[in-house]
N, C-alpha and C. Protein backbone atom coordinates (compact mmCIF):
# COMPACT_ATOMS: atom_id res chain seq x y z
N MET A 1 27.36 24.48 1.69
CA MET A 1 25.96 24.46 2.03
C MET A 1 25.62 23.09 2.63
N THR A 2 24.89 23.11 3.71
CA THR A 2 24.44 21.88 4.35
C THR A 2 22.96 21.70 4.11
N LEU A 3 22.60 20.59 3.51
CA LEU A 3 21.19 20.30 3.27
C LEU A 3 20.57 19.70 4.52
N LEU A 4 19.32 20.05 4.74
CA LEU A 4 18.61 19.53 5.91
C LEU A 4 18.24 18.07 5.71
N MET A 5 18.35 17.30 6.76
CA MET A 5 17.89 15.93 6.72
C MET A 5 16.37 15.95 6.85
N PRO A 6 15.66 15.26 5.97
CA PRO A 6 14.19 15.25 6.07
C PRO A 6 13.73 14.62 7.37
N ARG A 7 12.60 15.13 7.87
CA ARG A 7 11.93 14.54 9.01
C ARG A 7 10.64 13.92 8.53
N LEU A 8 10.11 13.01 9.29
CA LEU A 8 8.86 12.36 8.94
C LEU A 8 7.77 12.77 9.92
N GLU A 9 6.62 13.17 9.38
CA GLU A 9 5.45 13.51 10.18
C GLU A 9 4.40 12.42 9.96
N HIS A 10 4.03 11.74 11.02
CA HIS A 10 3.02 10.68 10.90
C HIS A 10 1.68 11.32 10.55
N ILE A 11 1.02 10.78 9.50
CA ILE A 11 -0.29 11.34 9.15
C ILE A 11 -1.44 10.36 9.28
N ALA A 12 -1.17 9.06 9.15
CA ALA A 12 -2.31 8.14 9.21
C ALA A 12 -1.84 6.70 9.37
N ASP A 13 -2.72 5.92 9.99
CA ASP A 13 -2.59 4.46 10.04
C ASP A 13 -3.76 3.88 9.28
N LEU A 14 -3.48 2.89 8.45
CA LEU A 14 -4.53 2.25 7.68
C LEU A 14 -4.57 0.76 7.96
N THR A 15 -5.78 0.23 8.01
CA THR A 15 -6.01 -1.21 7.99
C THR A 15 -6.85 -1.46 6.75
N VAL A 16 -6.31 -2.22 5.81
CA VAL A 16 -6.97 -2.48 4.54
C VAL A 16 -7.25 -3.98 4.45
N PHE A 17 -8.54 -4.33 4.44
CA PHE A 17 -8.92 -5.75 4.35
C PHE A 17 -8.90 -6.20 2.90
N VAL A 18 -8.43 -7.42 2.69
CA VAL A 18 -8.25 -7.93 1.34
C VAL A 18 -8.89 -9.30 1.19
N ASP A 19 -9.22 -9.62 -0.06
CA ASP A 19 -9.78 -10.92 -0.42
C ASP A 19 -8.65 -11.80 -0.94
N LYS A 20 -8.99 -12.99 -1.38
CA LYS A 20 -8.00 -13.92 -1.91
C LYS A 20 -7.38 -13.38 -3.20
N PRO A 21 -6.09 -13.64 -3.40
CA PRO A 21 -5.41 -13.19 -4.62
C PRO A 21 -5.98 -13.85 -5.87
N VAL A 22 -5.95 -13.10 -6.96
CA VAL A 22 -6.31 -13.61 -8.28
C VAL A 22 -5.03 -13.63 -9.10
N GLU A 23 -4.63 -14.81 -9.53
CA GLU A 23 -3.42 -14.95 -10.35
C GLU A 23 -3.82 -14.69 -11.80
N ALA A 24 -3.29 -13.63 -12.39
CA ALA A 24 -3.60 -13.30 -13.77
C ALA A 24 -2.61 -13.94 -14.74
N GLY A 25 -1.57 -14.55 -14.24
CA GLY A 25 -0.64 -15.27 -15.09
C GLY A 25 0.70 -14.58 -15.24
N LYS A 26 1.61 -15.32 -15.83
CA LYS A 26 2.96 -14.80 -16.10
C LYS A 26 2.89 -13.88 -17.31
N VAL A 27 3.40 -12.67 -17.13
CA VAL A 27 3.40 -11.69 -18.21
C VAL A 27 4.47 -12.08 -19.22
N THR A 28 4.10 -12.12 -20.50
CA THR A 28 5.06 -12.46 -21.55
C THR A 28 5.11 -11.33 -22.57
N GLY A 29 6.10 -11.35 -23.41
CA GLY A 29 6.25 -10.33 -24.44
C GLY A 29 7.17 -9.21 -23.99
N LEU A 30 7.01 -8.05 -24.61
CA LEU A 30 7.91 -6.93 -24.35
C LEU A 30 7.89 -6.48 -22.89
N ASN A 31 6.77 -6.64 -22.23
CA ASN A 31 6.66 -6.22 -20.83
C ASN A 31 6.88 -7.37 -19.86
N SER A 32 7.56 -8.40 -20.29
CA SER A 32 7.78 -9.58 -19.47
C SER A 32 8.58 -9.21 -18.23
N ARG A 33 7.93 -9.34 -17.09
CA ARG A 33 8.60 -9.01 -15.83
C ARG A 33 8.33 -10.03 -14.76
N GLY A 34 7.26 -10.79 -14.86
CA GLY A 34 6.96 -11.72 -13.80
C GLY A 34 5.49 -12.12 -13.78
N LEU A 35 5.04 -12.52 -12.62
CA LEU A 35 3.69 -13.00 -12.42
C LEU A 35 2.78 -11.84 -11.99
N ARG A 36 1.67 -11.64 -12.69
CA ARG A 36 0.70 -10.61 -12.32
C ARG A 36 -0.29 -11.20 -11.33
N ARG A 37 -0.40 -10.55 -10.17
CA ARG A 37 -1.33 -10.98 -9.13
C ARG A 37 -2.17 -9.77 -8.72
N ILE A 38 -3.47 -9.98 -8.57
CA ILE A 38 -4.37 -8.90 -8.19
C ILE A 38 -5.04 -9.28 -6.87
N ILE A 39 -4.97 -8.35 -5.91
CA ILE A 39 -5.54 -8.57 -4.59
C ILE A 39 -6.72 -7.60 -4.41
N PRO A 40 -7.96 -8.10 -4.43
CA PRO A 40 -9.12 -7.21 -4.23
C PRO A 40 -9.14 -6.61 -2.82
N ILE A 41 -9.49 -5.34 -2.74
CA ILE A 41 -9.64 -4.65 -1.46
C ILE A 41 -11.12 -4.64 -1.10
N THR A 42 -11.43 -5.09 0.12
CA THR A 42 -12.83 -5.23 0.53
C THR A 42 -13.29 -4.17 1.52
N GLY A 43 -12.39 -3.32 1.99
CA GLY A 43 -12.75 -2.26 2.94
C GLY A 43 -11.62 -2.01 3.91
N GLY A 44 -11.92 -1.21 4.94
CA GLY A 44 -10.90 -0.95 5.95
C GLY A 44 -11.14 0.37 6.64
N THR A 45 -10.12 0.81 7.39
CA THR A 45 -10.22 2.04 8.15
C THR A 45 -8.94 2.85 8.01
N VAL A 46 -9.07 4.15 8.23
CA VAL A 46 -7.93 5.06 8.29
C VAL A 46 -8.12 5.94 9.52
N SER A 47 -7.02 6.16 10.26
CA SER A 47 -7.10 7.01 11.45
C SER A 47 -5.82 7.82 11.59
N GLY A 48 -5.94 8.96 12.25
CA GLY A 48 -4.83 9.88 12.43
C GLY A 48 -5.27 11.25 12.00
N LYS A 49 -4.47 11.94 11.17
CA LYS A 49 -4.89 13.23 10.60
C LYS A 49 -5.99 13.04 9.57
N LEU A 50 -6.15 11.82 9.10
CA LEU A 50 -7.26 11.43 8.23
C LEU A 50 -8.04 10.35 8.98
N ASN A 51 -9.36 10.48 9.03
CA ASN A 51 -10.19 9.51 9.73
C ASN A 51 -11.35 9.12 8.84
N GLY A 52 -11.57 7.81 8.73
CA GLY A 52 -12.69 7.34 7.94
C GLY A 52 -12.52 5.89 7.55
N ASP A 53 -13.01 5.58 6.35
CA ASP A 53 -13.03 4.20 5.87
C ASP A 53 -12.29 4.06 4.56
N VAL A 54 -11.78 2.87 4.32
CA VAL A 54 -11.28 2.47 3.01
C VAL A 54 -12.46 1.80 2.32
N LEU A 55 -12.85 2.32 1.17
CA LEU A 55 -14.01 1.76 0.47
C LEU A 55 -13.64 0.46 -0.24
N ALA A 56 -14.60 -0.45 -0.29
CA ALA A 56 -14.43 -1.66 -1.07
C ALA A 56 -14.37 -1.30 -2.55
N GLY A 57 -13.69 -2.11 -3.33
CA GLY A 57 -13.66 -1.91 -4.78
C GLY A 57 -12.29 -1.60 -5.33
N GLY A 58 -11.33 -1.27 -4.48
CA GLY A 58 -9.98 -1.05 -4.94
C GLY A 58 -9.26 -2.38 -5.09
N ALA A 59 -8.00 -2.31 -5.48
CA ALA A 59 -7.20 -3.52 -5.63
C ALA A 59 -5.73 -3.18 -5.59
N ASP A 60 -4.94 -4.19 -5.29
CA ASP A 60 -3.50 -4.10 -5.33
C ASP A 60 -3.05 -4.93 -6.53
N PHE A 61 -2.46 -4.25 -7.52
CA PHE A 61 -2.01 -4.89 -8.75
C PHE A 61 -0.52 -5.19 -8.59
N GLN A 62 -0.21 -6.43 -8.28
CA GLN A 62 1.16 -6.81 -7.97
C GLN A 62 1.87 -7.41 -9.18
N MET A 63 3.16 -7.16 -9.25
CA MET A 63 4.03 -7.82 -10.20
C MET A 63 5.07 -8.57 -9.39
N VAL A 64 4.95 -9.88 -9.37
CA VAL A 64 5.87 -10.73 -8.62
C VAL A 64 7.08 -10.95 -9.51
N VAL A 65 8.21 -10.37 -9.13
CA VAL A 65 9.38 -10.40 -9.99
C VAL A 65 10.36 -11.53 -9.65
N SER A 66 10.21 -12.10 -8.45
CA SER A 66 11.04 -13.24 -8.06
C SER A 66 10.36 -13.94 -6.89
N ASP A 67 10.99 -15.01 -6.41
CA ASP A 67 10.46 -15.71 -5.25
C ASP A 67 10.53 -14.89 -3.98
N SER A 68 11.29 -13.77 -4.04
CA SER A 68 11.49 -12.99 -2.82
C SER A 68 11.09 -11.52 -2.93
N ALA A 69 10.58 -11.09 -4.09
CA ALA A 69 10.28 -9.66 -4.25
C ALA A 69 9.09 -9.41 -5.17
N SER A 70 8.34 -8.36 -4.82
CA SER A 70 7.19 -7.92 -5.63
C SER A 70 7.13 -6.40 -5.67
N HIS A 71 6.64 -5.90 -6.79
CA HIS A 71 6.30 -4.48 -6.91
C HIS A 71 4.78 -4.41 -6.76
N LEU A 72 4.32 -3.51 -5.88
CA LEU A 72 2.90 -3.38 -5.60
C LEU A 72 2.39 -2.04 -6.11
N ASP A 73 1.18 -2.03 -6.61
CA ASP A 73 0.52 -0.81 -7.09
C ASP A 73 -0.94 -0.88 -6.64
N ALA A 74 -1.20 -0.38 -5.43
CA ALA A 74 -2.54 -0.43 -4.87
C ALA A 74 -3.28 0.87 -5.19
N ARG A 75 -4.56 0.73 -5.51
CA ARG A 75 -5.40 1.89 -5.83
C ARG A 75 -6.74 1.71 -5.12
N TYR A 76 -7.12 2.74 -4.35
CA TYR A 76 -8.35 2.65 -3.58
C TYR A 76 -8.81 4.05 -3.17
N ILE A 77 -10.01 4.12 -2.60
CA ILE A 77 -10.59 5.40 -2.19
C ILE A 77 -10.84 5.39 -0.69
N LEU A 78 -10.46 6.51 -0.05
CA LEU A 78 -10.80 6.74 1.35
C LEU A 78 -12.06 7.59 1.41
N GLN A 79 -13.01 7.20 2.24
CA GLN A 79 -14.20 8.02 2.53
C GLN A 79 -13.98 8.56 3.93
N LEU A 80 -13.66 9.87 4.02
CA LEU A 80 -13.35 10.45 5.32
C LEU A 80 -14.62 10.80 6.09
N ASP A 81 -14.48 10.92 7.40
CA ASP A 81 -15.62 11.21 8.25
C ASP A 81 -16.29 12.54 7.91
N ASN A 82 -15.53 13.50 7.34
CA ASN A 82 -16.10 14.80 6.98
C ASN A 82 -16.78 14.79 5.61
N GLY A 83 -16.89 13.63 4.98
CA GLY A 83 -17.55 13.51 3.68
C GLY A 83 -16.61 13.56 2.49
N ALA A 84 -15.37 13.98 2.71
CA ALA A 84 -14.40 14.06 1.61
C ALA A 84 -13.98 12.67 1.17
N ARG A 85 -13.63 12.58 -0.09
CA ARG A 85 -13.06 11.34 -0.64
C ARG A 85 -11.64 11.63 -1.11
N VAL A 86 -10.78 10.65 -0.88
CA VAL A 86 -9.37 10.75 -1.26
C VAL A 86 -9.02 9.51 -2.06
N TYR A 87 -8.56 9.72 -3.29
CA TYR A 87 -8.07 8.62 -4.11
C TYR A 87 -6.60 8.40 -3.76
N VAL A 88 -6.24 7.16 -3.48
CA VAL A 88 -4.87 6.80 -3.10
C VAL A 88 -4.30 5.88 -4.17
N GLN A 89 -3.11 6.21 -4.64
CA GLN A 89 -2.33 5.28 -5.45
C GLN A 89 -1.04 5.05 -4.68
N ASN A 90 -0.79 3.81 -4.33
CA ASN A 90 0.29 3.49 -3.43
C ASN A 90 1.25 2.49 -4.09
N HIS A 91 2.43 2.97 -4.45
CA HIS A 91 3.47 2.11 -5.02
C HIS A 91 4.33 1.58 -3.89
N ALA A 92 4.67 0.30 -3.95
CA ALA A 92 5.44 -0.29 -2.86
C ALA A 92 6.38 -1.37 -3.37
N ILE A 93 7.34 -1.67 -2.52
CA ILE A 93 8.24 -2.81 -2.71
C ILE A 93 8.07 -3.70 -1.48
N ARG A 94 7.87 -4.97 -1.74
CA ARG A 94 7.84 -5.94 -0.65
C ARG A 94 8.83 -7.03 -0.99
N ARG A 95 9.75 -7.29 -0.07
CA ARG A 95 10.75 -8.34 -0.30
C ARG A 95 11.10 -8.99 1.02
N GLY A 96 11.58 -10.21 0.91
CA GLY A 96 11.98 -10.96 2.09
C GLY A 96 12.50 -12.31 1.68
N PRO A 97 12.87 -13.13 2.65
CA PRO A 97 13.34 -14.48 2.34
C PRO A 97 12.25 -15.25 1.58
N ALA A 98 12.65 -15.99 0.57
CA ALA A 98 11.70 -16.70 -0.29
C ALA A 98 10.73 -17.56 0.50
N GLU A 99 11.21 -18.24 1.54
CA GLU A 99 10.32 -19.11 2.32
C GLU A 99 9.26 -18.32 3.08
N GLN A 100 9.60 -17.09 3.51
CA GLN A 100 8.62 -16.26 4.21
C GLN A 100 7.61 -15.65 3.23
N ILE A 101 8.07 -15.27 2.06
CA ILE A 101 7.15 -14.76 1.03
C ILE A 101 6.18 -15.87 0.61
N ALA A 102 6.67 -17.09 0.47
CA ALA A 102 5.79 -18.22 0.12
C ALA A 102 4.71 -18.41 1.19
N ARG A 103 5.07 -18.23 2.45
CA ARG A 103 4.08 -18.34 3.53
C ARG A 103 3.03 -17.24 3.41
N LEU A 104 3.46 -16.02 3.09
CA LEU A 104 2.50 -14.92 2.88
C LEU A 104 1.51 -15.27 1.78
N VAL A 105 2.02 -15.78 0.67
CA VAL A 105 1.18 -16.11 -0.48
C VAL A 105 0.17 -17.21 -0.11
N ARG A 106 0.56 -18.12 0.75
CA ARG A 106 -0.34 -19.18 1.19
C ARG A 106 -1.35 -18.68 2.23
N GLY A 107 -1.23 -17.41 2.64
CA GLY A 107 -2.16 -16.86 3.62
C GLY A 107 -1.78 -17.15 5.05
N GLU A 108 -0.52 -17.46 5.29
CA GLU A 108 -0.05 -17.76 6.64
C GLU A 108 0.48 -16.49 7.31
N GLN A 109 0.49 -16.50 8.62
CA GLN A 109 1.04 -15.40 9.41
C GLN A 109 2.56 -15.39 9.30
N VAL A 110 3.14 -14.22 9.03
CA VAL A 110 4.59 -14.05 8.95
C VAL A 110 4.96 -12.84 9.81
N ASP A 111 6.02 -12.96 10.58
CA ASP A 111 6.49 -11.85 11.39
C ASP A 111 6.84 -10.68 10.48
N PRO A 112 6.18 -9.51 10.64
CA PRO A 112 6.46 -8.36 9.78
C PRO A 112 7.92 -7.91 9.80
N ALA A 113 8.63 -8.20 10.88
CA ALA A 113 10.04 -7.81 10.97
C ALA A 113 10.90 -8.55 9.95
N LEU A 114 10.40 -9.66 9.39
CA LEU A 114 11.16 -10.44 8.41
C LEU A 114 10.96 -9.96 6.98
N ILE A 115 10.01 -9.03 6.79
CA ILE A 115 9.64 -8.58 5.44
C ILE A 115 9.88 -7.09 5.31
N TYR A 116 10.60 -6.69 4.26
CA TYR A 116 10.77 -5.27 3.94
C TYR A 116 9.56 -4.85 3.11
N PHE A 117 8.76 -3.90 3.63
CA PHE A 117 7.55 -3.43 2.95
C PHE A 117 7.53 -1.91 3.11
N ARG A 118 7.91 -1.21 2.05
CA ARG A 118 7.93 0.25 2.06
C ARG A 118 7.13 0.76 0.88
N CYS A 119 6.47 1.90 1.08
CA CYS A 119 5.58 2.41 0.05
C CYS A 119 5.71 3.91 -0.14
N VAL A 120 5.19 4.38 -1.27
CA VAL A 120 5.16 5.79 -1.62
C VAL A 120 3.74 6.12 -2.09
N PRO A 121 2.87 6.53 -1.16
CA PRO A 121 1.50 6.85 -1.56
C PRO A 121 1.41 8.25 -2.17
N SER A 122 0.49 8.41 -3.11
CA SER A 122 0.14 9.74 -3.63
C SER A 122 -1.38 9.86 -3.57
N PHE A 123 -1.84 11.10 -3.57
CA PHE A 123 -3.25 11.37 -3.27
C PHE A 123 -3.87 12.32 -4.29
N GLU A 124 -5.15 12.09 -4.57
CA GLU A 124 -5.99 13.04 -5.29
C GLU A 124 -7.15 13.37 -4.36
N VAL A 125 -7.50 14.65 -4.24
CA VAL A 125 -8.48 15.08 -3.25
C VAL A 125 -9.61 15.88 -3.91
N ASP A 126 -10.76 15.93 -3.20
CA ASP A 126 -11.89 16.70 -3.71
C ASP A 126 -12.31 17.82 -2.77
N HIS A 127 -11.48 18.14 -1.76
CA HIS A 127 -11.76 19.22 -0.82
C HIS A 127 -10.52 20.10 -0.67
N ASP A 128 -10.72 21.41 -0.67
CA ASP A 128 -9.59 22.33 -0.56
C ASP A 128 -8.78 22.12 0.71
N GLU A 129 -9.44 21.75 1.82
CA GLU A 129 -8.71 21.59 3.08
C GLU A 129 -7.77 20.38 3.05
N LEU A 130 -7.86 19.56 2.00
CA LEU A 130 -6.98 18.41 1.87
C LEU A 130 -5.88 18.61 0.83
N LEU A 131 -5.77 19.81 0.30
CA LEU A 131 -4.74 20.07 -0.73
C LEU A 131 -3.33 19.77 -0.23
N TRP A 132 -3.12 19.84 1.09
CA TRP A 132 -1.80 19.53 1.64
C TRP A 132 -1.36 18.11 1.29
N LEU A 133 -2.30 17.24 0.98
CA LEU A 133 -1.95 15.88 0.58
C LEU A 133 -1.34 15.83 -0.82
N THR A 134 -1.50 16.89 -1.58
CA THR A 134 -1.03 16.89 -2.97
C THR A 134 0.27 17.66 -3.17
N ASP A 135 0.77 18.33 -2.13
CA ASP A 135 1.95 19.17 -2.34
C ASP A 135 3.17 18.73 -1.52
N SER A 136 3.19 17.49 -1.11
CA SER A 136 4.32 16.95 -0.36
C SER A 136 4.60 15.52 -0.84
N VAL A 137 5.74 15.02 -0.42
CA VAL A 137 6.10 13.63 -0.68
C VAL A 137 5.73 12.82 0.57
N PHE A 138 5.19 11.63 0.35
CA PHE A 138 4.79 10.76 1.44
C PHE A 138 5.48 9.41 1.28
N VAL A 139 5.79 8.79 2.39
CA VAL A 139 6.34 7.45 2.43
C VAL A 139 5.58 6.65 3.47
N GLY A 140 5.75 5.36 3.44
CA GLY A 140 5.07 4.54 4.44
C GLY A 140 5.75 3.21 4.63
N THR A 141 5.25 2.52 5.62
CA THR A 141 5.71 1.19 5.92
C THR A 141 4.48 0.32 6.12
N GLY A 142 4.62 -0.96 5.85
CA GLY A 142 3.45 -1.81 5.95
C GLY A 142 3.78 -3.22 6.38
N ALA A 143 2.71 -3.96 6.66
CA ALA A 143 2.82 -5.37 7.01
C ALA A 143 1.62 -6.09 6.43
N ARG A 144 1.86 -7.27 5.86
CA ARG A 144 0.79 -8.10 5.27
C ARG A 144 0.42 -9.18 6.26
N TYR A 145 -0.87 -9.31 6.51
CA TYR A 145 -1.43 -10.36 7.35
C TYR A 145 -2.36 -11.20 6.48
N PRO A 146 -2.80 -12.35 6.95
CA PRO A 146 -3.64 -13.20 6.10
C PRO A 146 -4.88 -12.51 5.52
N ASP A 147 -5.52 -11.62 6.27
CA ASP A 147 -6.76 -11.00 5.81
C ASP A 147 -6.68 -9.50 5.58
N ARG A 148 -5.48 -8.91 5.78
CA ARG A 148 -5.40 -7.46 5.72
C ARG A 148 -3.95 -7.01 5.52
N VAL A 149 -3.85 -5.70 5.22
CA VAL A 149 -2.57 -5.01 5.18
C VAL A 149 -2.67 -3.86 6.16
N GLU A 150 -1.66 -3.69 7.00
CA GLU A 150 -1.61 -2.55 7.90
C GLU A 150 -0.46 -1.66 7.47
N MET A 151 -0.74 -0.34 7.41
CA MET A 151 0.26 0.61 6.95
C MET A 151 0.26 1.85 7.81
N ALA A 152 1.40 2.52 7.85
CA ALA A 152 1.53 3.84 8.44
C ALA A 152 2.09 4.77 7.36
N PHE A 153 1.45 5.92 7.17
CA PHE A 153 1.88 6.90 6.18
C PHE A 153 2.51 8.10 6.88
N PHE A 154 3.56 8.65 6.28
CA PHE A 154 4.30 9.78 6.82
C PHE A 154 4.53 10.82 5.73
N ARG A 155 4.39 12.10 6.10
CA ARG A 155 4.76 13.18 5.19
C ARG A 155 6.24 13.47 5.41
N VAL A 156 7.00 13.60 4.31
CA VAL A 156 8.42 13.95 4.39
C VAL A 156 8.48 15.48 4.48
N GLU A 157 9.01 15.98 5.61
CA GLU A 157 9.09 17.42 5.83
C GLU A 157 10.43 17.96 5.39
C-alpha cells in the first residue's frame, strides 16, 4: 500500500501586531523549563479564505527554553468580515542562531530566512459554515518583526 503525500492548501495570511514583551521570570519547580515571556497582541488582519481582523486582547505565552529556541502558545480571536468569530490557539516552535534570537528579543529586524518558525494552529468556530476549520489539520509558517508577526496558514489535505 502506498500512502498519499499530504498537500498543503493555503487558507490565510495573518499580520498580528504585538506590544512589548512582559518577562514573567524563570519557571522553577516541577515545571522548570525556562523563561516565561508573554507578548500582548494588540490587533491585526487576516486575509485569504478568512477575511477580517485580529482582535486586541490575545497574547503569545512563550517558554524560552534556550538562547536559540522557544515554544510559543498564542491565543487570540479573529473577527471575520461576515460577523463570525474564530478562536485561534497556535502552538509554534521558533529557533535560530542565538545571536539572531537575541536581536529579535531586543526588537531588531532579523532576516526571516535565518529563523525557523513553524506553527500548528487550531480553531474554535461559532458559525456552521466554518466547521471545516475544526475537521482538518493545519500548519503554518511565520516571521517575527519588531512590531508584528506575519504568518501563513495551510490546511493539510
